[in-house]
Amino acid sequence: MANPNKVKGTQWESAIRDYLNAFLGLVDETGTFLDPMSGANIRRAAQEGARDVGDIHAAPFVLEAKNTRAPAVPTWIRQAEVEATHAGFPFGVVVRKVRGSSVAMGRVHVSVRTWTRVRLALGMPTDEFAALYGWSVSLRGLDTSRWYLTTTVADFAHLLADFRRLVPEGVSGRAVR
């Protein structure tokens, strides 16, 4: 019998992948890739051991999926950023499941640094970027390494689509593999 937590994690990763691929129009109504060889497709990554490359590759983002009760967001964000570096992607983010809600209502967490780099690549003022993609700020004490921003998977899907459409490859390390 498989580890039940591993099964839940795999189901969450697959749900995120399937949601983003459908939102971006990369699959048909049966979930089959329109272009199986496209680097734009959202894919679950193979486990890499000590040099883990994250759970989901959604160029230019590496997504670290979390389906747990107890959040440890700042730690998870650091993990996602390390894994993005291992995978050769410029941005690492965390996608946390919200119990009893749809995939679209999952929470996407990013560091202040990543948020700023994405905003600058899009050339948007702070207020516009925050409002357009539904970002909220979590400030945890005076330690700025524990500060982060959060949005929903639905709003992140819009951000991903806009980033791919508006930011030329090579800007901020963007590359569609």
C-alpha atoms as a PDB file:
ATOM      1  CA  MET A   1       0.000   0.000   0.000  1.00  0.00           C
ATOM      2  CA  ALA A   2       1.319   3.431  -0.960  1.00  0.00           C
ATOM      3  CA  ASN A   3       2.079   6.082   1.627  1.00  0.00           C
ATOM      4  CA  PRO A   4      -1.228   8.011   1.999  1.00  0.00           C
ATOM      5  CA  ASN A   5       0.568  11.366   2.380  1.00  0.00           C
ATOM      6  CA  LYS A   6       2.567  10.714  -0.799  1.00  0.00           C
ATOM      7  CA  VAL A   7      -0.680   9.886  -2.618  1.00  0.00           C
ATOM      8  CA  LYS A   8      -2.301  13.135  -1.405  1.00  0.00           C
ATOM      9  CA  GLY A   9       0.765  15.121  -2.471  1.00  0.00           C
ATOM     10  CA  THR A  10       0.812  13.529  -5.916  1.00  0.00           C
ATOM     11  CA  GLN A  11      -2.915  14.199  -6.356  1.00  0.00           C
ATOM     12  CA  TRP A  12      -2.407  17.875  -5.434  1.00  0.00           C
ATOM     13  CA  GLU A  13       0.533  18.228  -7.844  1.00  0.00           C
ATOM     14  CA  SER A  14      -1.509  16.646 -10.643  1.00  0.00           C
ATOM     15  CA  ALA A  15      -4.498  18.881  -9.898  1.00  0.00           C
ATOM     16  CA  ILE A  16      -2.330  22.018 -10.123  1.00  0.00           C
ATOM     17  CA  ARG A  17      -0.712  20.825 -13.361  1.00  0.00           C
ATOM     18  CA  ASP A  18      -4.063  19.957 -14.919  1.00  0.00           C
ATOM     19  CA  TYR A  19      -5.645  23.269 -13.866  1.00  0.00           C
ATOM     20  CA  LEU A  20      -2.820  25.381 -15.287  1.00  0.00           C
ATOM     21  CA  ASN A  21      -2.604  23.412 -18.544  1.00  0.00           C
ATOM     22  CA  ALA A  22      -6.380  23.784 -19.062  1.00  0.00           C
ATOM     23  CA  PHE A  23      -6.340  27.490 -18.140  1.00  0.00           C
ATOM     24  CA  LEU A  24      -3.504  28.185 -20.579  1.00  0.00           C
ATOM     25  CA  GLY A  25      -5.230  26.218 -23.354  1.00  0.00           C
ATOM     26  CA  LEU A  26      -2.389  23.716 -23.649  1.00  0.00           C
ATOM     27  CA  VAL A  27      -4.641  20.634 -23.524  1.00  0.00           C
ATOM     28  CA  ASP A  28      -7.822  19.503 -25.255  1.00  0.00           C
ATOM     29  CA  GLU A  29     -11.077  18.645 -23.459  1.00  0.00           C
ATOM     30  CA  THR A  30      -9.702  15.200 -22.519  1.00  0.00           C
ATOM     31  CA  GLY A  31      -6.544  16.664 -20.952  1.00  0.00           C
ATOM     32  CA  THR A  32      -4.243  15.589 -23.796  1.00  0.00           C
ATOM     33  CA  PHE A  33      -1.493  18.046 -24.741  1.00  0.00           C
ATOM     34  CA  LEU A  34      -2.192  19.860 -27.997  1.00  0.00           C
ATOM     35  CA  ASP A  35       1.561  19.898 -28.650  1.00  0.00           C
ATOM     36  CA  PRO A  36       3.246  17.222 -26.498  1.00  0.00           C
ATOM     37  CA  MET A  37       6.722  18.583 -27.282  1.00  0.00           C
ATOM     38  CA  SER A  38       5.997  22.206 -26.330  1.00  0.00           C
ATOM     39  CA  GLY A  39       8.181  23.723 -23.635  1.00  0.00           C
ATOM     40  CA  ALA A  40       5.166  25.784 -22.559  1.00  0.00           C
ATOM     41  CA  ASN A  41       3.393  22.694 -21.185  1.00  0.00           C
ATOM     42  CA  ILE A  42       3.082  22.501 -17.408  1.00  0.00           C
ATOM     43  CA  ARG A  43       4.691  19.260 -16.211  1.00  0.00           C
ATOM     44  CA  ARG A  44       5.341  17.422 -12.988  1.00  0.00           C
ATOM     45  CA  ALA A  45       9.089  17.037 -12.533  1.00  0.00           C
ATOM     46  CA  ALA A  46      10.869  13.778 -11.786  1.00  0.00           C
ATOM     47  CA  GLN A  47      12.298  13.533  -8.267  1.00  0.00           C
ATOM     48  CA  GLU A  48      15.987  14.388  -8.223  1.00  0.00           C
ATOM     49  CA  GLY A  49      17.006  13.522  -4.638  1.00  0.00           C
ATOM     50  CA  ALA A  50      19.471  15.946  -3.048  1.00  0.00           C
ATOM     51  CA  ARG A  51      19.329  18.259  -6.085  1.00  0.00           C
ATOM     52  CA  ASP A  52      15.525  18.369  -6.193  1.00  0.00           C
ATOM     53  CA  VAL A  53      14.136  20.484  -9.030  1.00  0.00           C
ATOM     54  CA  GLY A  54      10.686  21.163  -7.565  1.00  0.00           C
ATOM     55  CA  ASP A  55       7.339  19.490  -8.088  1.00  0.00           C
ATOM     56  CA  ILE A  56       5.942  21.302 -11.136  1.00  0.00           C
ATOM     57  CA  HIS A  57       7.656  23.166 -13.956  1.00  0.00           C
ATOM     58  CA  ALA A  58       5.591  26.051 -15.313  1.00  0.00           C
ATOM     59  CA  ALA A  59       8.268  28.067 -17.091  1.00  0.00           C
ATOM     60  CA  PRO A  60       9.565  30.450 -15.869  1.00  0.00           C
ATOM     61  CA  PHE A  61       8.338  29.207 -12.470  1.00  0.00           C
ATOM     62  CA  VAL A  62       9.101  26.130 -10.404  1.00  0.00           C
ATOM     63  CA  LEU A  63       6.180  25.271  -8.159  1.00  0.00           C
ATOM     64  CA  GLU A  64       6.620  23.476  -4.857  1.00  0.00           C
ATOM     65  CA  ALA A  65       3.237  21.898  -4.036  1.00  0.00           C
ATOM     66  CA  LYS A  66       2.226  21.478  -0.388  1.00  0.00           C
ATOM     67  CA  ASN A  67      -0.788  19.560   0.915  1.00  0.00           C
ATOM     68  CA  THR A  68      -0.296  19.708   4.674  1.00  0.00           C
ATOM     69  CA  ARG A  69      -2.237  20.926   7.674  1.00  0.00           C
ATOM     70  CA  ALA A  70       0.522  22.902   9.368  1.00  0.00           C
ATOM     71  CA  PRO A  71       1.928  25.690   7.196  1.00  0.00           C
ATOM     72  CA  ALA A  72       5.625  26.555   7.194  1.00  0.00           C
ATOM     73  CA  VAL A  73       5.485  29.091   4.383  1.00  0.00           C
ATOM     74  CA  PRO A  74       8.844  30.908   4.780  1.00  0.00           C
ATOM     75  CA  THR A  75      10.684  27.568   4.931  1.00  0.00           C
ATOM     76  CA  TRP A  76       8.775  26.287   1.913  1.00  0.00           C
ATOM     77  CA  ILE A  77       9.568  29.436  -0.077  1.00  0.00           C
ATOM     78  CA  ARG A  78      13.292  29.031   0.602  1.00  0.00           C
ATOM     79  CA  GLN A  79      12.991  25.396  -0.542  1.00  0.00           C
ATOM     80  CA  ALA A  80      11.158  26.429  -3.744  1.00  0.00           C
ATOM     81  CA  GLU A  81      13.787  29.047  -4.575  1.00  0.00           C
ATOM     82  CA  VAL A  82      16.646  26.559  -4.126  1.00  0.00           C
ATOM     83  CA  GLU A  83      14.820  24.021  -6.293  1.00  0.00           C
ATOM     84  CA  ALA A  84      14.183  26.639  -8.990  1.00  0.00           C
ATOM     85  CA  THR A  85      17.924  27.310  -9.088  1.00  0.00           C
ATOM     86  CA  HIS A  86      18.622  23.568  -9.389  1.00  0.00           C
ATOM     87  CA  ALA A  87      16.153  23.378 -12.299  1.00  0.00           C
ATOM     88  CA  GLY A  88      17.569  26.464 -14.022  1.00  0.00           C
ATOM     89  CA  PHE A  89      14.401  28.538 -13.625  1.00  0.00           C
ATOM     90  CA  PRO A  90      14.408  32.120 -12.335  1.00  0.00           C
ATOM     91  CA  PHE A  91      11.427  31.894  -9.952  1.00  0.00           C
ATOM     92  CA  GLY A  92      10.411  29.477  -7.198  1.00  0.00           C
ATOM     93  CA  VAL A  93       6.941  29.616  -5.623  1.00  0.00           C
ATOM     94  CA  VAL A  94       4.881  27.527  -3.206  1.00  0.00           C
ATOM     95  CA  VAL A  95       1.354  26.309  -3.959  1.00  0.00           C
ATOM     96  CA  ARG A  96      -0.547  25.234  -0.829  1.00  0.00           C
ATOM     97  CA  LYS A  97      -3.825  23.334  -0.867  1.00  0.00           C
ATOM     98  CA  VAL A  98      -6.761  24.902   0.949  1.00  0.00           C
ATOM     99  CA  ARG A  99      -8.839  22.165   2.540  1.00  0.00           C
ATOM    100  CA  GLY A 100     -12.355  21.840   1.140  1.00  0.00           C
ATOM    101  CA  SER A 101     -11.708  24.268  -1.736  1.00  0.00           C
ATOM    102  CA  SER A 102     -11.118  23.934  -5.456  1.00  0.00           C
ATOM    103  CA  VAL A 103      -7.659  24.023  -7.018  1.00  0.00           C
ATOM    104  CA  ALA A 104      -8.341  27.595  -8.149  1.00  0.00           C
ATOM    105  CA  MET A 105      -8.591  28.673  -4.509  1.00  0.00           C
ATOM    106  CA  GLY A 106      -5.229  27.142  -3.538  1.00  0.00           C
ATOM    107  CA  ARG A 107      -2.702  29.637  -2.198  1.00  0.00           C
ATOM    108  CA  VAL A 108       0.433  30.685  -4.059  1.00  0.00           C
ATOM    109  CA  HIS A 109       3.168  32.117  -1.831  1.00  0.00           C
ATOM    110  CA  VAL A 110       6.253  34.020  -3.015  1.00  0.00           C
ATOM    111  CA  SER A 111       9.100  35.853  -1.338  1.00  0.00           C
ATOM    112  CA  VAL A 112       9.204  39.631  -1.482  1.00  0.00           C
ATOM    113  CA  ARG A 113      12.290  39.329  -3.700  1.00  0.00           C
ATOM    114  CA  THR A 114      10.570  37.027  -6.218  1.00  0.00           C
ATOM    115  CA  TRP A 115       7.439  39.194  -6.205  1.00  0.00           C
ATOM    116  CA  THR A 116       9.549  42.263  -6.964  1.00  0.00           C
ATOM    117  CA  ARG A 117      11.528  40.552  -9.735  1.00  0.00           C
ATOM    118  CA  VAL A 118       8.334  39.335 -11.451  1.00  0.00           C
ATOM    119  CA  ARG A 119       6.706  42.782 -11.088  1.00  0.00           C
ATOM    120  CA  LEU A 120       9.736  44.518 -12.567  1.00  0.00           C
ATOM    121  CA  ALA A 121       9.931  42.048 -15.469  1.00  0.00           C
ATOM    122  CA  LEU A 122       6.311  42.923 -16.262  1.00  0.00           C
ATOM    123  CA  GLY A 123       7.114  46.635 -15.898  1.00  0.00           C
ATOM    124  CA  MET A 124       4.224  47.265 -13.507  1.00  0.00           C
ATOM    125  CA  PRO A 125       3.935  49.682 -10.615  1.00  0.00           C
ATOM    126  CA  THR A 126       3.537  48.064  -7.198  1.00  0.00           C
ATOM    127  CA  ASP A 127      -0.111  49.026  -6.657  1.00  0.00           C
ATOM    128  CA  GLU A 128      -1.197  47.888 -10.120  1.00  0.00           C
ATOM    129  CA  PHE A 129       0.619  44.542  -9.825  1.00  0.00           C
ATOM    130  CA  ALA A 130      -0.813  43.883  -6.349  1.00  0.00           C
ATOM    131  CA  ALA A 131      -4.366  44.702  -7.410  1.00  0.00           C
ATOM    132  CA  LEU A 132      -4.331  42.960 -10.791  1.00  0.00           C
ATOM    133  CA  TYR A 133      -3.187  39.617  -9.387  1.00  0.00           C
ATOM    134  CA  GLY A 134      -4.831  39.776  -5.954  1.00  0.00           C
ATOM    135  CA  TRP A 135      -1.670  39.795  -3.849  1.00  0.00           C
ATOM    136  CA  SER A 136      -1.845  40.128  -0.066  1.00  0.00           C
ATOM    137  CA  VAL A 137       1.133  40.648   2.228  1.00  0.00           C
ATOM    138  CA  SER A 138       2.139  38.544   5.237  1.00  0.00           C
ATOM    139  CA  LEU A 139       4.615  40.291   7.511  1.00  0.00           C
ATOM    140  CA  ARG A 140       6.038  37.995  10.186  1.00  0.00           C
ATOM    141  CA  GLY A 141       7.799  40.178  12.753  1.00  0.00           C
ATOM    142  CA  LEU A 142      10.880  42.225  11.995  1.00  0.00           C
ATOM    143  CA  ASP A 143      12.738  39.422  10.203  1.00  0.00           C
ATOM    144  CA  THR A 144      12.215  40.330   6.541  1.00  0.00           C
ATOM    145  CA  SER A 145      13.276  36.831   5.419  1.00  0.00           C
ATOM    146  CA  ARG A 146       9.932  35.625   6.825  1.00  0.00           C
ATOM    147  CA  TRP A 147       7.827  38.135   4.851  1.00  0.00           C
ATOM    148  CA  TYR A 148       5.937  36.881   1.814  1.00  0.00           C
ATOM    149  CA  LEU A 149       3.049  37.612  -0.546  1.00  0.00           C
ATOM    150  CA  THR A 150       0.077  35.393  -1.351  1.00  0.00           C
ATOM    151  CA  THR A 151      -2.461  35.055  -4.138  1.00  0.00           C
ATOM    152  CA  THR A 152      -4.758  32.310  -5.412  1.00  0.00           C
ATOM    153  CA  VAL A 153      -3.928  29.682  -8.017  1.00  0.00           C
ATOM    154  CA  ALA A 154      -6.557  31.322 -10.263  1.00  0.00           C
ATOM    155  CA  ASP A 155      -4.833  34.712 -10.045  1.00  0.00           C
ATOM    156  CA  PHE A 156      -1.415  33.065 -10.469  1.00  0.00           C
ATOM    157  CA  ALA A 157      -2.681  31.407 -13.674  1.00  0.00           C
ATOM    158  CA  HIS A 158      -3.491  34.878 -15.059  1.00  0.00           C
ATOM    159  CA  LEU A 159      -0.045  36.103 -13.981  1.00  0.00           C
ATOM    160  CA  LEU A 160       1.648  33.133 -15.663  1.00  0.00           C
ATOM    161  CA  ALA A 161      -0.273  33.714 -18.899  1.00  0.00           C
ATOM    162  CA  ASP A 162       0.523  37.434 -18.866  1.00  0.00           C
ATOM    163  CA  PHE A 163       4.199  36.854 -18.058  1.00  0.00           C
ATOM    164  CA  ARG A 164       4.564  34.411 -20.934  1.00  0.00           C
ATOM    165  CA  ARG A 165       2.766  36.792 -23.292  1.00  0.00           C
ATOM    166  CA  LEU A 166       4.450  40.049 -22.249  1.00  0.00           C
ATOM    167  CA  VAL A 167       7.991  39.235 -21.129  1.00  0.00           C
ATOM    168  CA  PRO A 168      10.436  38.313 -23.886  1.00  0.00           C
ATOM    169  CA  GLU A 169      12.494  35.175 -23.412  1.00  0.00           C
ATOM    170  CA  GLY A 170      15.810  35.944 -21.781  1.00  0.00           C
ATOM    171  CA  VAL A 171      14.422  38.759 -19.599  1.00  0.00           C
ATOM    172  CA  SER A 172      14.821  37.851 -15.910  1.00  0.00           C
ATOM    173  CA  GLY A 173      16.228  34.527 -17.042  1.00  0.00           C
ATOM    174  CA  ARG A 174      12.946  33.531 -18.677  1.00  0.00           C
ATOM    175  CA  ALA A 175      13.112  30.563 -20.966  1.00  0.00           C
ATOM    176  CA  VAL A 176      10.341  28.261 -22.082  1.00  0.00           C
ATOM    177  CA  ARG A 177      11.924  24.853 -22.211  1.00  0.00           C
END
